Amino acid sequence: MFTGISIALILLIVGGLNWLLAGLFEFDLVAAIFGGQEAILFKIVSILVGLSAIYCIKLFGRIKD
């Protein structure tokens, strides 16, 4: 099944793709899917993406030179 790191990486990929779309086309895919930036589901997803980024900071310790 999925581990915590797998879920965090999936959420970071979603967040990164959303930022790509926002930067290139001024389109917020997550807001469009979940009902706008004021919708509670949008806020939950945004918070989860941010928490995933914080969680993945520990992955830097696994990088080998």
PDB file of N, CA and C in Angstrom:
ATOM      1  N   MET A   1       0.836  -1.190   0.000  1.00  0.00           N
ATOM      2  CA  MET A   1       0.000   0.000   0.000  1.00  0.00           C
ATOM      3  C   MET A   1       0.876   1.246   0.000  1.00  0.00           C
ATOM      4  N   PHE A   2       0.248   2.385   0.192  1.00  0.00           N
ATOM      5  CA  PHE A   2       0.981   3.636   0.192  1.00  0.00           C
ATOM      6  C   PHE A   2       1.588   3.909   1.564  1.00  0.00           C
ATOM      7  N   THR A   3       2.818   4.399   1.569  1.00  0.00           N
ATOM      8  CA  THR A   3       3.446   4.834   2.812  1.00  0.00           C
ATOM      9  C   THR A   3       3.224   6.338   2.956  1.00  0.00           C
ATOM     10  N   GLY A   4       3.600   6.848   4.101  1.00  0.00           N
ATOM     11  CA  GLY A   4       3.475   8.294   4.326  1.00  0.00           C
ATOM     12  C   GLY A   4       4.270   9.092   3.312  1.00  0.00           C
ATOM     13  N   ILE A   5       5.459   8.599   2.974  1.00  0.00           N
ATOM     14  CA  ILE A   5       6.295   9.305   2.008  1.00  0.00           C
ATOM     15  C   ILE A   5       5.646   9.268   0.630  1.00  0.00           C
ATOM     16  N   SER A   6       5.068   8.138   0.245  1.00  0.00           N
ATOM     17  CA  SER A   6       4.406   8.037  -1.065  1.00  0.00           C
ATOM     18  C   SER A   6       3.252   9.021  -1.174  1.00  0.00           C
ATOM     19  N   ILE A   7       2.450   9.093  -0.145  1.00  0.00           N
ATOM     20  CA  ILE A   7       1.312  10.018  -0.153  1.00  0.00           C
ATOM     21  C   ILE A   7       1.804  11.458  -0.216  1.00  0.00           C
ATOM     22  N   ALA A   8       2.833  11.770   0.568  1.00  0.00           N
ATOM     23  CA  ALA A   8       3.385  13.124   0.570  1.00  0.00           C
ATOM     24  C   ALA A   8       3.936  13.484  -0.805  1.00  0.00           C
ATOM     25  N   LEU A   9       4.635  12.549  -1.451  1.00  0.00           N
ATOM     26  CA  LEU A   9       5.181  12.834  -2.773  1.00  0.00           C
ATOM     27  C   LEU A   9       4.075  13.016  -3.806  1.00  0.00           C
ATOM     28  N   ILE A  10       3.022  12.230  -3.725  1.00  0.00           N
ATOM     29  CA  ILE A  10       1.888  12.392  -4.642  1.00  0.00           C
ATOM     30  C   ILE A  10       1.271  13.784  -4.471  1.00  0.00           C
ATOM     31  N   LEU A  11       1.074  14.193  -3.227  1.00  0.00           N
ATOM     32  CA  LEU A  11       0.507  15.520  -2.977  1.00  0.00           C
ATOM     33  C   LEU A  11       1.442  16.627  -3.462  1.00  0.00           C
ATOM     34  N   LEU A  12       2.752  16.434  -3.322  1.00  0.00           N
ATOM     35  CA  LEU A  12       3.700  17.430  -3.814  1.00  0.00           C
ATOM     36  C   LEU A  12       3.691  17.506  -5.332  1.00  0.00           C
ATOM     37  N   ILE A  13       3.533  16.378  -5.988  1.00  0.00           N
ATOM     38  CA  ILE A  13       3.436  16.379  -7.447  1.00  0.00           C
ATOM     39  C   ILE A  13       2.182  17.122  -7.888  1.00  0.00           C
ATOM     40  N   VAL A  14       1.060  16.851  -7.227  1.00  0.00           N
ATOM     41  CA  VAL A  14      -0.186  17.563  -7.547  1.00  0.00           C
ATOM     42  C   VAL A  14       0.007  19.065  -7.345  1.00  0.00           C
ATOM     43  N   GLY A  15       0.621  19.428  -6.235  1.00  0.00           N
ATOM     44  CA  GLY A  15       0.860  20.849  -5.952  1.00  0.00           C
ATOM     45  C   GLY A  15       1.799  21.479  -6.972  1.00  0.00           C
ATOM     46  N   GLY A  16       2.843  20.751  -7.352  1.00  0.00           N
ATOM     47  CA  GLY A  16       3.785  21.271  -8.341  1.00  0.00           C
ATOM     48  C   GLY A  16       3.138  21.456  -9.704  1.00  0.00           C
ATOM     49  N   LEU A  17       2.339  20.494 -10.120  1.00  0.00           N
ATOM     50  CA  LEU A  17       1.634  20.623 -11.398  1.00  0.00           C
ATOM     51  C   LEU A  17       0.637  21.776 -11.358  1.00  0.00           C
ATOM     52  N   ASN A  18       0.000  21.960 -10.218  1.00  0.00           N
ATOM     53  CA  ASN A  18      -0.932  23.076 -10.069  1.00  0.00           C
ATOM     54  C   ASN A  18      -0.200  24.412 -10.204  1.00  0.00           C
ATOM     55  N   TRP A  19       0.985  24.517  -9.596  1.00  0.00           N
ATOM     56  CA  TRP A  19       1.778  25.745  -9.722  1.00  0.00           C
ATOM     57  C   TRP A  19       2.238  25.958 -11.156  1.00  0.00           C
ATOM     58  N   LEU A  20       2.573  24.875 -11.852  1.00  0.00           N
ATOM     59  CA  LEU A  20       2.962  24.982 -13.262  1.00  0.00           C
ATOM     60  C   LEU A  20       1.814  25.561 -14.087  1.00  0.00           C
ATOM     61  N   LEU A  21       0.612  25.021 -13.890  1.00  0.00           N
ATOM     62  CA  LEU A  21      -0.550  25.527 -14.608  1.00  0.00           C
ATOM     63  C   LEU A  21      -0.847  26.981 -14.236  1.00  0.00           C
ATOM     64  N   ALA A  22      -0.678  27.313 -12.974  1.00  0.00           N
ATOM     65  CA  ALA A  22      -0.921  28.691 -12.536  1.00  0.00           C
ATOM     66  C   ALA A  22       0.087  29.646 -13.169  1.00  0.00           C
ATOM     67  N   GLY A  23       1.346  29.211 -13.231  1.00  0.00           N
ATOM     68  CA  GLY A  23       2.380  30.071 -13.803  1.00  0.00           C
ATOM     69  C   GLY A  23       2.259  30.237 -15.306  1.00  0.00           C
ATOM     70  N   LEU A  24       1.933  29.162 -15.996  1.00  0.00           N
ATOM     71  CA  LEU A  24       1.868  29.222 -17.459  1.00  0.00           C
ATOM     72  C   LEU A  24       0.556  29.785 -17.982  1.00  0.00           C
ATOM     73  N   PHE A  25      -0.545  29.386 -17.353  1.00  0.00           N
ATOM     74  CA  PHE A  25      -1.857  29.701 -17.914  1.00  0.00           C
ATOM     75  C   PHE A  25      -2.778  30.459 -16.964  1.00  0.00           C
ATOM     76  N   GLU A  26      -2.277  30.821 -15.778  1.00  0.00           N
ATOM     77  CA  GLU A  26      -3.091  31.483 -14.752  1.00  0.00           C
ATOM     78  C   GLU A  26      -4.359  30.681 -14.462  1.00  0.00           C
ATOM     79  N   PHE A  27      -4.189  29.352 -14.363  1.00  0.00           N
ATOM     80  CA  PHE A  27      -5.298  28.441 -14.103  1.00  0.00           C
ATOM     81  C   PHE A  27      -4.994  27.625 -12.859  1.00  0.00           C
ATOM     82  N   ASP A  28      -5.862  27.676 -11.876  1.00  0.00           N
ATOM     83  CA  ASP A  28      -5.701  26.935 -10.631  1.00  0.00           C
ATOM     84  C   ASP A  28      -6.565  25.672 -10.712  1.00  0.00           C
ATOM     85  N   LEU A  29      -5.935  24.554 -11.064  1.00  0.00           N
ATOM     86  CA  LEU A  29      -6.658  23.300 -11.268  1.00  0.00           C
ATOM     87  C   LEU A  29      -7.321  22.813  -9.986  1.00  0.00           C
ATOM     88  N   VAL A  30      -6.624  22.902  -8.864  1.00  0.00           N
ATOM     89  CA  VAL A  30      -7.183  22.422  -7.598  1.00  0.00           C
ATOM     90  C   VAL A  30      -8.423  23.234  -7.229  1.00  0.00           C
ATOM     91  N   ALA A  31      -8.355  24.533  -7.402  1.00  0.00           N
ATOM     92  CA  ALA A  31      -9.522  25.380  -7.109  1.00  0.00           C
ATOM     93  C   ALA A  31     -10.664  25.049  -8.057  1.00  0.00           C
ATOM     94  N   ALA A  32     -10.350  24.792  -9.320  1.00  0.00           N
ATOM     95  CA  ALA A  32     -11.394  24.464 -10.295  1.00  0.00           C
ATOM     96  C   ALA A  32     -12.069  23.145  -9.947  1.00  0.00           C
ATOM     97  N   ILE A  33     -11.298  22.169  -9.501  1.00  0.00           N
ATOM     98  CA  ILE A  33     -11.864  20.861  -9.173  1.00  0.00           C
ATOM     99  C   ILE A  33     -12.716  20.927  -7.909  1.00  0.00           C
ATOM    100  N   PHE A  34     -12.230  21.662  -6.907  1.00  0.00           N
ATOM    101  CA  PHE A  34     -12.878  21.634  -5.596  1.00  0.00           C
ATOM    102  C   PHE A  34     -13.783  22.830  -5.310  1.00  0.00           C
ATOM    103  N   GLY A  35     -14.105  23.633  -6.309  1.00  0.00           N
ATOM    104  CA  GLY A  35     -15.128  24.655  -6.121  1.00  0.00           C
ATOM    105  C   GLY A  35     -14.646  26.050  -5.801  1.00  0.00           C
ATOM    106  N   GLY A  36     -13.444  26.385  -6.152  1.00  0.00           N
ATOM    107  CA  GLY A  36     -12.940  27.740  -5.934  1.00  0.00           C
ATOM    108  C   GLY A  36     -12.073  27.835  -4.699  1.00  0.00           C
ATOM    109  N   GLN A  37     -11.374  28.956  -4.608  1.00  0.00           N
ATOM    110  CA  GLN A  37     -10.412  29.137  -3.516  1.00  0.00           C
ATOM    111  C   GLN A  37     -11.061  29.340  -2.153  1.00  0.00           C
ATOM    112  N   GLU A  38     -12.322  29.607  -2.117  1.00  0.00           N
ATOM    113  CA  GLU A  38     -13.025  29.777  -0.842  1.00  0.00           C
ATOM    114  C   GLU A  38     -13.643  28.470  -0.341  1.00  0.00           C
ATOM    115  N   ALA A  39     -13.633  27.430  -1.178  1.00  0.00           N
ATOM    116  CA  ALA A  39     -14.251  26.157  -0.810  1.00  0.00           C
ATOM    117  C   ALA A  39     -13.405  25.437   0.241  1.00  0.00           C
ATOM    118  N   ILE A  40     -14.060  24.778   1.161  1.00  0.00           N
ATOM    119  CA  ILE A  40     -13.367  24.084   2.244  1.00  0.00           C
ATOM    120  C   ILE A  40     -12.487  22.950   1.706  1.00  0.00           C
ATOM    121  N   LEU A  41     -12.939  22.252   0.657  1.00  0.00           N
ATOM    122  CA  LEU A  41     -12.119  21.177   0.095  1.00  0.00           C
ATOM    123  C   LEU A  41     -10.829  21.713  -0.512  1.00  0.00           C
ATOM    124  N   PHE A  42     -10.891  22.871  -1.149  1.00  0.00           N
ATOM    125  CA  PHE A  42      -9.682  23.505  -1.678  1.00  0.00           C
ATOM    126  C   PHE A  42      -8.703  23.800  -0.552  1.00  0.00           C
ATOM    127  N   LYS A  43      -9.219  24.344   0.529  1.00  0.00           N
ATOM    128  CA  LYS A  43      -8.353  24.685   1.659  1.00  0.00           C
ATOM    129  C   LYS A  43      -7.735  23.442   2.278  1.00  0.00           C
ATOM    130  N   ILE A  44      -8.498  22.368   2.389  1.00  0.00           N
ATOM    131  CA  ILE A  44      -7.973  21.116   2.945  1.00  0.00           C
ATOM    132  C   ILE A  44      -6.858  20.569   2.070  1.00  0.00           C
ATOM    133  N   VAL A  45      -7.078  20.537   0.754  1.00  0.00           N
ATOM    134  CA  VAL A  45      -6.045  20.040  -0.164  1.00  0.00           C
ATOM    135  C   VAL A  45      -4.806  20.923  -0.092  1.00  0.00           C
ATOM    136  N   SER A  46      -4.985  22.228  -0.052  1.00  0.00           N
ATOM    137  CA  SER A  46      -3.848  23.140   0.032  1.00  0.00           C
ATOM    138  C   SER A  46      -3.054  22.913   1.315  1.00  0.00           C
ATOM    139  N   ILE A  47      -3.737  22.727   2.424  1.00  0.00           N
ATOM    140  CA  ILE A  47      -3.067  22.462   3.691  1.00  0.00           C
ATOM    141  C   ILE A  47      -2.310  21.136   3.631  1.00  0.00           C
ATOM    142  N   LEU A  48      -2.926  20.111   3.038  1.00  0.00           N
ATOM    143  CA  LEU A  48      -2.256  18.812   2.917  1.00  0.00           C
ATOM    144  C   LEU A  48      -1.016  18.892   2.038  1.00  0.00           C
ATOM    145  N   VAL A  49      -1.074  19.676   0.958  1.00  0.00           N
ATOM    146  CA  VAL A  49       0.099  19.846   0.103  1.00  0.00           C
ATOM    147  C   VAL A  49       1.225  20.535   0.890  1.00  0.00           C
ATOM    148  N   GLY A  50       0.882  21.560   1.636  1.00  0.00           N
ATOM    149  CA  GLY A  50       1.884  22.254   2.449  1.00  0.00           C
ATOM    150  C   GLY A  50       2.485  21.370   3.524  1.00  0.00           C
ATOM    151  N   LEU A  51       1.648  20.593   4.202  1.00  0.00           N
ATOM    152  CA  LEU A  51       2.154  19.671   5.221  1.00  0.00           C
ATOM    153  C   LEU A  51       3.032  18.590   4.597  1.00  0.00           C
ATOM    154  N   SER A  52       2.691  18.181   3.386  1.00  0.00           N
ATOM    155  CA  SER A  52       3.512  17.192   2.684  1.00  0.00           C
ATOM    156  C   SER A  52       4.894  17.745   2.389  1.00  0.00           C
ATOM    157  N   ALA A  53       4.966  19.002   2.013  1.00  0.00           N
ATOM    158  CA  ALA A  53       6.256  19.631   1.753  1.00  0.00           C
ATOM    159  C   ALA A  53       7.109  19.645   3.019  1.00  0.00           C
ATOM    160  N   ILE A  54       6.503  19.979   4.131  1.00  0.00           N
ATOM    161  CA  ILE A  54       7.236  19.977   5.404  1.00  0.00           C
ATOM    162  C   ILE A  54       7.698  18.570   5.751  1.00  0.00           C
ATOM    163  N   TYR A  55       6.830  17.593   5.554  1.00  0.00           N
ATOM    164  CA  TYR A  55       7.159  16.195   5.838  1.00  0.00           C
ATOM    165  C   TYR A  55       8.319  15.707   4.969  1.00  0.00           C
ATOM    166  N   CYS A  56       8.345  16.129   3.720  1.00  0.00           N
ATOM    167  CA  CYS A  56       9.377  15.655   2.790  1.00  0.00           C
ATOM    168  C   CYS A  56      10.737  16.303   3.012  1.00  0.00           C
ATOM    169  N   ILE A  57      10.819  17.301   3.857  1.00  0.00           N
ATOM    170  CA  ILE A  57      12.112  17.897   4.174  1.00  0.00           C
ATOM    171  C   ILE A  57      13.062  16.826   4.698  1.00  0.00           C
ATOM    172  N   LYS A  58      12.513  15.842   5.401  1.00  0.00           N
ATOM    173  CA  LYS A  58      13.375  14.786   5.960  1.00  0.00           C
ATOM    174  C   LYS A  58      14.023  13.930   4.870  1.00  0.00           C
ATOM    175  N   LEU A  59      13.505  13.986   3.657  1.00  0.00           N
ATOM    176  CA  LEU A  59      14.101  13.218   2.560  1.00  0.00           C
ATOM    177  C   LEU A  59      15.492  13.721   2.191  1.00  0.00           C
ATOM    178  N   PHE A  60      15.807  14.966   2.524  1.00  0.00           N
ATOM    179  CA  PHE A  60      17.141  15.482   2.233  1.00  0.00           C
ATOM    180  C   PHE A  60      18.214  14.671   2.943  1.00  0.00           C
ATOM    181  N   GLY A  61      17.865  14.106   4.081  1.00  0.00           N
ATOM    182  CA  GLY A  61      18.824  13.273   4.813  1.00  0.00           C
ATOM    183  C   GLY A  61      19.139  11.971   4.100  1.00  0.00           C
ATOM    184  N   ARG A  62      18.307  11.571   3.156  1.00  0.00           N
ATOM    185  CA  ARG A  62      18.520  10.332   2.413  1.00  0.00           C
ATOM    186  C   ARG A  62      19.306  10.521   1.119  1.00  0.00           C
ATOM    187  N   ILE A  63      19.599  11.777   0.768  1.00  0.00           N
ATOM    188  CA  ILE A  63      20.335  12.048  -0.464  1.00  0.00           C
ATOM    189  C   ILE A  63      21.800  11.714  -0.239  1.00  0.00           C
ATOM    190  N   LYS A  64      22.324  10.907  -1.132  1.00  0.00           N
ATOM    191  CA  LYS A  64      23.734  10.519  -1.080  1.00  0.00           C
ATOM    192  C   LYS A  64      24.494  11.309  -2.145  1.00  0.00           C
ATOM    193  N   ASP A  65      25.655  11.784  -1.780  1.00  0.00           N
ATOM    194  CA  ASP A  65      26.485  12.526  -2.763  1.00  0.00           C
ATOM    195  C   ASP A  65      27.144  11.575  -3.729  1.00  0.00           C
TER     196      ASP A  65
END
